[in-house]
Amino acid sequence: MAIQTFELLILGSSAATPTSNRNPTAQLLNIAERFFLIDCGEGTQMQLRKYKARFQSVNHIFISHLHGDHFLGLPGLIASMHLLGRKNELTVYGPAELEDIIGLIHKHSETQLGYPLKFVQTQHSTKQLIWQDEKVEVYSIPLKHRIKTTGFLFREKPFPRNIDKYKLEKYDVSFAEIHKLKQGFDAVDNSGNIIKNEMLTLDPVKGRSYAFCSDTRYFEELSSDIEDVDLLYHESTFLENKKDRAKQTFHSTAKQAAEIAAKANVKQLLLGHFSARYGNLDEFLDEARPVFPNTELAIEGKMISL
């Protein structure tokens, strides 16, 4: 069975204000040709064009919270999708007030979209399954920021078991039994005997996972919601010498992000949401890697494949 696509494109990595080479937060995640936009800071649609992303293929947009650097690009993107002739439904997941904001803009601009726009309210106090299909499931996870904020957890659903065709012949099992075997059931051979599933199948490839942890202060409880994920994005607005400032503004340092990654036993850590005060981002790696070695920077244009 071919492994399906699981790719993350970084569109923006700056904190509250953009810089000459860093845009506000936005990411595009492709899982099995399902395109998920995660946050939509100012200039996101320009970044989508710059990196030749198929933004009309985005059917789901996830907004972590209502600070401008995470959603001010959304009204323009919604409008551009309309002007470019979109017909497919678009679903936006985020705080309840987001629907009011977009509705007010459309009311006073007398905008009538040519496609259905749906809003799903996220809960910032508990982990919540907010979308799923036969291949992927998405959860919102509570974070601790100055206003209501959630992260998002994306998981591939378990793959079906792989059929060992040699074993089918060996145990005289018909190919008609394959559907049952892939679902985990036992099979019946051509003589009417029950053959255990594990005798005829191989373990499937493990499903991959990505956790996006937007603006948040350090809190250890987060690690239980993102335990064992393959890739973790965790904000790192400040370096450790600004730890007090991070606490005051409900943000994290690079070292604190690495500590969460270590506690959660994740495989890889991406740092982002860098304060505009920092030019040399290598300092973030220098601070995080002694705590969690497999750490990288979420830089615009970077594509991470799992």
Protein backbone atom coordinates (compact mmCIF):
# COMPACT_ATOMS: atom_id res chain seq x y z
CA MET A 1 0.00 0.00 0.00
CA ALA A 2 1.42 3.41 -1.01
CA ILE A 3 1.99 5.84 1.85
CA GLN A 4 -0.26 8.88 1.51
CA THR A 5 1.03 12.46 1.57
CA PHE A 6 1.68 14.16 4.91
CA GLU A 7 3.37 17.52 4.32
CA LEU A 8 3.51 20.79 6.25
CA LEU A 9 4.35 24.09 4.50
CA ILE A 10 5.34 27.05 6.68
CA LEU A 11 3.80 30.30 5.43
CA GLY A 12 4.49 32.59 8.38
CA SER A 13 6.58 32.42 11.56
CA SER A 14 6.60 35.91 13.08
CA ALA A 15 4.93 36.95 16.31
CA ALA A 16 2.69 39.99 16.77
CA THR A 17 4.27 42.09 14.02
CA PRO A 18 5.73 40.97 10.69
CA THR A 19 9.32 41.70 9.73
CA SER A 20 10.95 42.21 6.34
CA ASN A 21 11.45 38.43 6.03
CA ARG A 22 8.92 36.90 8.42
CA ASN A 23 5.14 36.93 8.03
CA PRO A 24 2.53 36.37 10.77
CA THR A 25 1.50 32.82 11.61
CA ALA A 26 0.07 30.58 8.89
CA GLN A 27 0.71 26.99 7.83
CA LEU A 28 -0.66 24.69 5.13
CA LEU A 29 -0.98 20.99 5.98
CA ASN A 30 -1.62 18.36 3.30
CA ILE A 31 -2.74 14.94 4.51
CA ALA A 32 -3.78 12.60 1.71
CA GLU A 33 -4.68 15.59 -0.51
CA ARG A 34 -6.83 17.12 2.19
CA PHE A 35 -5.53 20.68 2.54
CA PHE A 36 -5.85 22.33 5.95
CA LEU A 37 -4.91 25.99 6.52
CA ILE A 38 -3.82 26.57 10.10
CA ASP A 39 -4.10 30.21 11.20
CA CYS A 40 -4.28 32.99 8.66
CA GLY A 41 -2.23 36.04 9.58
CA GLU A 42 -2.01 39.13 7.42
CA GLY A 43 -0.54 38.36 3.99
CA THR A 44 -1.33 34.65 4.05
CA GLN A 45 -2.88 34.59 0.58
CA MET A 46 0.24 36.27 -0.82
CA GLN A 47 2.35 33.55 0.80
CA LEU A 48 0.11 30.87 -0.67
CA ARG A 49 0.71 32.35 -4.11
CA LYS A 50 4.43 32.78 -3.52
CA TYR A 51 4.87 29.10 -2.70
CA LYS A 52 2.45 27.99 -5.45
CA ALA A 53 0.04 26.36 -3.00
CA ARG A 54 -3.36 25.20 -4.21
CA PHE A 55 -5.37 27.45 -1.92
CA GLN A 56 -8.69 26.79 -3.70
CA SER A 57 -8.16 23.18 -2.58
CA VAL A 58 -8.35 24.32 1.05
CA ASN A 59 -11.74 23.28 2.43
CA HIS A 60 -10.94 23.67 6.14
CA ILE A 61 -9.36 26.65 7.94
CA PHE A 62 -8.42 26.46 11.62
CA ILE A 63 -8.02 29.68 13.63
CA SER A 64 -6.38 29.32 17.02
CA HIS A 65 -7.48 32.65 18.53
CA LEU A 66 -8.53 36.19 17.75
CA HIS A 67 -5.26 38.09 18.00
CA GLY A 68 -4.74 39.82 14.69
CA ASP A 69 -1.50 38.10 13.73
CA HIS A 70 -3.43 34.83 13.58
CA PHE A 71 -6.59 35.73 11.66
CA LEU A 72 -6.45 39.14 9.93
CA GLY A 73 -5.64 37.48 6.61
CA LEU A 74 -8.89 35.50 6.72
CA PRO A 75 -11.37 38.13 5.43
CA GLY A 76 -9.23 38.80 2.37
CA LEU A 77 -8.68 35.12 1.64
CA ILE A 78 -12.42 34.40 1.89
CA ALA A 79 -13.07 37.27 -0.53
CA SER A 80 -10.39 36.15 -3.00
CA MET A 81 -11.78 32.63 -3.06
CA HIS A 82 -15.15 34.15 -4.00
CA LEU A 83 -13.70 36.43 -6.69
CA LEU A 84 -11.85 33.48 -8.21
CA GLY A 85 -15.09 31.58 -8.64
CA ARG A 86 -15.07 29.17 -5.73
CA LYS A 87 -18.18 26.99 -5.44
CA ASN A 88 -17.14 24.37 -2.85
CA GLU A 89 -18.09 24.80 0.81
CA LEU A 90 -15.45 26.30 3.11
CA THR A 91 -15.49 25.50 6.84
CA VAL A 92 -13.76 27.72 9.39
CA TYR A 93 -13.04 26.41 12.90
CA GLY A 94 -12.35 28.88 15.68
CA PRO A 95 -13.78 30.95 18.55
CA ALA A 96 -17.51 31.71 18.39
CA GLU A 97 -16.86 35.42 17.91
CA LEU A 98 -15.06 34.81 14.62
CA GLU A 99 -18.35 34.20 12.82
CA ASP A 100 -19.62 37.54 14.15
CA ILE A 101 -16.50 39.35 12.89
CA ILE A 102 -16.67 37.90 9.39
CA GLY A 103 -20.44 38.41 9.29
CA LEU A 104 -20.05 42.08 10.20
CA ILE A 105 -17.49 42.62 7.44
CA HIS A 106 -19.78 40.98 4.89
CA LYS A 107 -22.79 42.94 6.14
CA HIS A 108 -21.20 46.37 5.77
CA SER A 109 -19.44 45.53 2.51
CA GLU A 110 -22.69 44.03 1.18
CA THR A 111 -20.79 40.86 0.26
CA GLN A 112 -22.68 37.82 -1.00
CA LEU A 113 -20.32 34.87 -1.36
CA GLY A 114 -20.73 32.50 -4.28
CA TYR A 115 -20.01 29.49 -2.09
CA PRO A 116 -21.24 28.16 1.30
CA LEU A 117 -19.24 29.41 4.30
CA LYS A 118 -19.66 27.39 7.49
CA PHE A 119 -18.33 28.08 10.99
CA VAL A 120 -17.60 25.51 13.70
CA GLN A 121 -17.05 26.82 17.22
CA THR A 122 -14.07 25.47 19.15
CA GLN A 123 -14.01 24.90 22.91
CA HIS A 124 -10.93 26.35 24.59
CA SER A 125 -11.33 24.46 27.87
CA THR A 126 -11.39 20.81 26.71
CA LYS A 127 -9.95 18.64 23.96
CA GLN A 128 -12.56 18.28 21.20
CA LEU A 129 -12.93 16.24 18.01
CA ILE A 130 -13.90 18.91 15.47
CA TRP A 131 -13.60 17.13 12.10
CA GLN A 132 -13.01 13.68 10.68
CA ASP A 133 -13.42 11.59 7.57
CA GLU A 134 -12.36 8.05 6.70
CA LYS A 135 -8.64 8.93 6.75
CA VAL A 136 -8.03 11.89 9.08
CA GLU A 137 -9.27 13.23 12.41
CA VAL A 138 -8.70 16.71 13.83
CA TYR A 139 -8.92 17.79 17.48
CA SER A 140 -8.78 21.20 19.10
CA ILE A 141 -6.67 21.23 22.26
CA PRO A 142 -6.78 23.85 25.03
CA LEU A 143 -3.87 26.27 25.41
CA LYS A 144 -3.23 28.96 28.00
CA HIS A 145 -2.98 32.41 26.47
CA ARG A 146 -4.28 35.86 27.33
CA ILE A 147 -7.54 35.20 25.45
CA LYS A 148 -9.39 32.00 24.47
CA THR A 149 -6.93 29.93 22.42
CA THR A 150 -6.70 26.40 21.10
CA GLY A 151 -4.09 24.32 19.39
CA PHE A 152 -4.92 21.66 16.82
CA LEU A 153 -4.00 17.99 16.60
CA PHE A 154 -4.12 16.20 13.25
CA ARG A 155 -3.98 12.40 13.12
CA GLU A 156 -4.15 9.82 10.38
CA LYS A 157 -6.68 7.16 11.23
CA PRO A 158 -5.34 3.61 11.51
CA PHE A 159 -4.51 2.05 8.17
CA PRO A 160 -6.06 -1.33 7.27
CA ARG A 161 -3.95 -4.39 7.89
CA ASN A 162 -1.74 -5.54 5.00
CA ILE A 163 -2.64 -8.84 3.35
CA ASP A 164 0.09 -11.48 3.09
CA LYS A 165 -0.85 -13.09 -0.25
CA TYR A 166 1.61 -15.93 0.31
CA LYS A 167 -0.24 -16.84 3.52
CA LEU A 168 -3.60 -16.77 1.69
CA GLU A 169 -2.31 -19.46 -0.65
CA LYS A 170 -0.66 -21.39 2.16
CA TYR A 171 -3.86 -21.57 4.23
CA ASP A 172 -6.15 -21.99 1.19
CA VAL A 173 -8.09 -18.78 1.86
CA SER A 174 -10.07 -17.17 -0.95
CA PHE A 175 -9.31 -13.63 -2.11
CA ALA A 176 -12.97 -12.91 -1.34
CA GLU A 177 -11.98 -12.85 2.35
CA ILE A 178 -9.60 -9.90 1.91
CA HIS A 179 -12.18 -7.24 2.80
CA LYS A 180 -12.91 -8.92 6.15
CA LEU A 181 -9.21 -9.33 6.89
CA LYS A 182 -8.47 -5.63 6.26
CA GLN A 183 -11.17 -4.75 8.79
CA GLY A 184 -9.48 -6.94 11.40
CA PHE A 185 -11.79 -9.94 11.25
CA ASP A 186 -10.74 -13.58 10.97
CA ALA A 187 -11.18 -15.47 7.67
CA VAL A 188 -12.67 -18.79 6.66
CA ASP A 189 -10.64 -21.11 4.43
CA ASN A 190 -12.07 -23.08 1.53
CA SER A 191 -12.72 -26.04 3.86
CA GLY A 192 -14.74 -23.96 6.35
CA ASN A 193 -12.00 -23.60 8.99
CA ILE A 194 -11.51 -20.27 10.80
CA ILE A 195 -8.04 -18.79 10.26
CA LYS A 196 -6.93 -16.07 12.68
CA ASN A 197 -6.40 -12.62 11.19
CA GLU A 198 -2.81 -12.36 12.41
CA MET A 199 -1.94 -15.55 10.53
CA LEU A 200 -2.85 -13.91 7.21
CA THR A 201 -1.97 -10.22 7.63
CA LEU A 202 0.91 -7.92 8.46
CA ASP A 203 0.81 -4.94 10.81
CA PRO A 204 -0.08 -1.70 8.97
CA VAL A 205 2.13 1.37 8.84
CA LYS A 206 1.58 3.51 11.92
CA GLY A 207 -0.55 6.61 11.34
CA ARG A 208 1.29 9.93 11.54
CA SER A 209 0.35 12.96 13.64
CA TYR A 210 0.99 16.70 13.86
CA ALA A 211 0.27 19.04 16.77
CA PHE A 212 0.07 22.81 16.29
CA CYS A 213 0.47 24.71 19.56
CA SER A 214 -0.14 28.36 18.90
CA ASP A 215 0.29 31.15 21.46
CA THR A 216 0.53 29.71 24.94
CA ARG A 217 2.43 30.04 28.17
CA TYR A 218 4.35 27.03 29.46
CA PHE A 219 2.17 24.48 31.23
CA GLU A 220 3.14 20.84 31.71
CA GLU A 221 -0.41 19.49 31.31
CA LEU A 222 -0.21 20.20 27.58
CA SER A 223 2.15 17.26 27.13
CA SER A 224 -0.65 14.73 27.78
CA ASP A 225 -2.70 16.05 24.81
CA ILE A 226 0.21 15.84 22.35
CA GLU A 227 1.97 12.74 23.65
CA ASP A 228 3.98 10.75 21.07
CA VAL A 229 3.10 12.95 18.07
CA ASP A 230 5.47 12.75 15.13
CA LEU A 231 5.78 16.51 14.69
CA LEU A 232 5.10 19.30 17.19
CA TYR A 233 4.97 23.00 16.38
CA HIS A 234 5.25 25.01 19.60
CA GLU A 235 5.48 28.75 19.83
CA SER A 236 8.77 30.19 21.10
CA THR A 237 8.26 33.92 21.13
CA PHE A 238 11.21 34.62 23.41
CA LEU A 239 14.59 33.32 24.51
CA GLU A 240 15.15 32.28 28.12
CA ASN A 241 16.59 35.63 29.19
CA LYS A 242 13.09 37.04 28.52
CA LYS A 243 11.38 34.32 30.54
CA ASP A 244 9.65 36.85 32.79
CA ARG A 245 8.34 38.70 29.75
CA ALA A 246 7.09 35.41 28.31
CA LYS A 247 5.18 34.66 31.49
CA GLN A 248 3.72 38.16 31.63
CA THR A 249 2.44 37.98 28.04
CA PHE A 250 1.34 34.31 28.17
CA HIS A 251 4.01 33.16 25.74
CA SER A 252 6.84 30.59 25.86
CA THR A 253 10.59 30.51 25.43
CA ALA A 254 12.52 28.19 23.12
CA LYS A 255 13.75 26.20 26.12
CA GLN A 256 10.22 25.81 27.48
CA ALA A 257 8.99 24.57 24.10
CA ALA A 258 11.79 21.99 24.12
CA GLU A 259 10.83 20.91 27.64
CA ILE A 260 7.24 20.29 26.49
CA ALA A 261 8.53 18.29 23.51
CA ALA A 262 10.67 16.15 25.80
CA LYS A 263 7.87 15.56 28.31
CA ALA A 264 5.45 14.62 25.52
CA ASN A 265 7.96 12.24 23.88
CA VAL A 266 7.40 13.75 20.45
CA LYS A 267 9.66 12.85 17.54
CA GLN A 268 10.43 16.31 16.14
CA LEU A 269 9.94 19.90 17.34
CA LEU A 270 9.39 23.02 15.22
CA LEU A 271 9.91 26.40 16.84
CA GLY A 272 8.05 29.47 15.59
CA HIS A 273 6.20 32.71 16.43
CA PHE A 274 9.47 34.56 16.89
CA SER A 275 9.40 38.05 18.35
CA ALA A 276 10.40 40.75 15.85
CA ARG A 277 13.18 41.77 18.24
CA TYR A 278 15.23 38.74 17.12
CA GLY A 279 17.24 38.73 13.93
CA ASN A 280 19.50 35.70 14.43
CA LEU A 281 17.15 32.76 14.96
CA ASP A 282 20.02 30.31 15.47
CA GLU A 283 19.92 31.39 19.11
CA PHE A 284 16.59 29.59 19.43
CA LEU A 285 18.18 26.34 18.29
CA ASP A 286 21.12 26.87 20.63
CA GLU A 287 18.70 27.16 23.53
CA ALA A 288 16.32 24.33 22.61
CA ARG A 289 18.58 21.58 21.26
CA PRO A 290 20.40 20.81 24.54
CA VAL A 291 16.95 19.96 25.96
CA PHE A 292 15.43 18.39 22.82
CA PRO A 293 18.01 17.67 20.08
CA ASN A 294 15.61 17.07 17.17
CA THR A 295 14.52 20.70 16.93
CA GLU A 296 14.18 22.85 13.80
CA LEU A 297 12.97 26.36 12.97
CA ALA A 298 9.62 27.00 11.27
CA ILE A 299 10.93 29.26 8.51
CA GLU A 300 8.83 30.57 5.63
CA GLY A 301 8.89 28.23 2.66
CA LYS A 302 10.09 25.23 4.64
CA MET A 303 8.33 21.99 3.73
CA ILE A 304 8.37 19.18 6.28
CA SER A 305 7.35 15.71 5.07
CA LEU A 306 6.49 12.87 7.44
